[in-house]
C-alpha atoms as a PDB file:
ATOM      1  CA  MET A   1      15.074-161.674 -49.502  1.00  0.00           C
ATOM      2  CA  LYS A   2      14.186-158.988 -52.018  1.00  0.00           C
ATOM      3  CA  THR A   3      15.874-160.701 -54.935  1.00  0.00           C
ATOM      4  CA  ALA A   4      13.945-163.890 -54.228  1.00  0.00           C
ATOM      5  CA  ASP A   5      10.686-161.931 -53.967  1.00  0.00           C
ATOM      6  CA  ASP A   6      11.350-160.139 -57.208  1.00  0.00           C
ATOM      7  CA  MET A   7      12.081-163.429 -58.901  1.00  0.00           C
ATOM      8  CA  THR A   8       8.954-164.920 -57.604  1.00  0.00           C
ATOM      9  CA  GLU A   9       6.968-161.941 -58.936  1.00  0.00           C
ATOM     10  CA  GLU A  10       8.505-162.374 -62.415  1.00  0.00           C
ATOM     11  CA  ARG A  11       7.650-166.153 -62.229  1.00  0.00           C
ATOM     12  CA  ARG A  12       3.965-165.280 -61.417  1.00  0.00           C
ATOM     13  CA  LYS A  13       3.862-162.928 -64.482  1.00  0.00           C
ATOM     14  CA  ALA A  14       5.459-165.616 -66.670  1.00  0.00           C
ATOM     15  CA  ASN A  15       3.120-168.281 -65.512  1.00  0.00           C
ATOM     16  CA  ASN A  16       0.084-166.188 -66.458  1.00  0.00           C
ATOM     17  CA  LEU A  17       1.184-165.742 -70.078  1.00  0.00           C
ATOM     18  CA  ASP A  18      -1.025-167.452 -72.636  1.00  0.00           C
ATOM     19  CA  THR A  19       1.431-169.690 -74.450  1.00  0.00           C
ATOM     20  CA  ALA A  20       4.341-171.928 -73.484  1.00  0.00           C
ATOM     21  CA  LYS A  21       6.574-170.062 -75.978  1.00  0.00           C
ATOM     22  CA  LYS A  22       5.903-166.754 -74.217  1.00  0.00           C
ATOM     23  CA  GLN A  23       6.366-168.388 -70.857  1.00  0.00           C
ATOM     24  CA  ALA A  24       9.696-169.813 -71.918  1.00  0.00           C
ATOM     25  CA  HIS A  25      10.917-166.424 -73.179  1.00  0.00           C
ATOM     26  CA  ALA A  26       9.793-164.680 -70.084  1.00  0.00           C
ATOM     27  CA  TYR A  27      11.610-167.330 -67.792  1.00  0.00           C
ATOM     28  CA  CYS A  28      14.754-166.883 -69.927  1.00  0.00           C
ATOM     29  CA  GLU A  29      14.645-163.082 -70.102  1.00  0.00           C
ATOM     30  CA  LYS A  30      13.124-162.147 -66.667  1.00  0.00           C
ATOM     31  CA  VAL A  31      13.511-165.084 -64.234  1.00  0.00           C
ATOM     32  CA  LYS A  32      16.859-166.554 -65.026  1.00  0.00           C
ATOM     33  CA  PRO A  33      18.887-163.351 -64.369  1.00  0.00           C
ATOM     34  CA  PHE A  34      17.964-163.639 -60.731  1.00  0.00           C
ATOM     35  CA  PHE A  35      19.649-166.975 -60.385  1.00  0.00           C
ATOM     36  CA  GLU A  36      23.204-165.647 -60.399  1.00  0.00           C
ATOM     37  CA  THR A  37      22.648-163.330 -57.333  1.00  0.00           C
ATOM     38  CA  ILE A  38      20.595-165.976 -55.509  1.00  0.00           C
ATOM     39  CA  ARG A  39      23.178-168.645 -56.222  1.00  0.00           C
ATOM     40  CA  TYR A  40      26.060-166.452 -55.060  1.00  0.00           C
ATOM     41  CA  ASN A  41      24.358-165.889 -51.705  1.00  0.00           C
ATOM     42  CA  VAL A  42      23.450-169.439 -51.205  1.00  0.00           C
ATOM     43  CA  ASP A  43      26.964-170.463 -51.847  1.00  0.00           C
ATOM     44  CA  LYS A  44      28.096-168.010 -49.282  1.00  0.00           C
ATOM     45  CA  LEU A  45      25.630-169.454 -46.795  1.00  0.00           C
ATOM     46  CA  GLU A  46      26.743-173.004 -47.381  1.00  0.00           C
ATOM     47  CA  ASN A  47      30.274-171.980 -46.246  1.00  0.00           C
ATOM     48  CA  ILE A  48      28.999-170.281 -43.173  1.00  0.00           C
ATOM     49  CA  VAL A  49      26.446-172.688 -41.858  1.00  0.00           C
ATOM     50  CA  ASP A  50      27.783-175.865 -40.139  1.00  0.00           C
ATOM     51  CA  ASP A  51      27.248-179.077 -42.114  1.00  0.00           C
ATOM     52  CA  ALA A  52      25.257-180.606 -39.252  1.00  0.00           C
ATOM     53  CA  THR A  53      22.846-177.666 -39.351  1.00  0.00           C
ATOM     54  CA  TRP A  54      22.420-177.449 -43.145  1.00  0.00           C
ATOM     55  CA  PRO A  55      19.426-179.704 -44.026  1.00  0.00           C
ATOM     56  CA  LEU A  56      20.032-180.007 -47.733  1.00  0.00           C
ATOM     57  CA  PRO A  57      22.916-181.327 -49.735  1.00  0.00           C
ATOM     58  CA  LYS A  58      25.340-178.638 -50.547  1.00  0.00           C
ATOM     59  CA  TYR A  59      25.968-177.864 -54.229  1.00  0.00           C
ATOM     60  CA  ARG A  60      29.553-179.218 -54.109  1.00  0.00           C
ATOM     61  CA  GLU A  61      28.226-182.482 -52.617  1.00  0.00           C
ATOM     62  CA  MET A  62      25.523-182.879 -55.379  1.00  0.00           C
ATOM     63  CA  LEU A  63      28.246-182.561 -58.045  1.00  0.00           C
ATOM     64  CA  TYR A  64      29.837-185.714 -56.730  1.00  0.00           C
ATOM     65  CA  LEU A  65      26.864-187.870 -55.807  1.00  0.00           C
ATOM     66  CA  ARG A  66      26.343-191.018 -57.884  1.00  0.00           C
END
């Protein structure tokens, strides 16, 4: 949960910047790096949790939805 909390804190900081350009750079440099770790952990959870219990479409399912 720490990674998600850290990402949320970086998002708060980015959202308080005074221009869209500064916000975009902050998201790219400070927020985006958290996605790899979070994504890895969510992918592991998707494989552990039973499909009947998982309330959202799994990533692999979204790739093939039309």
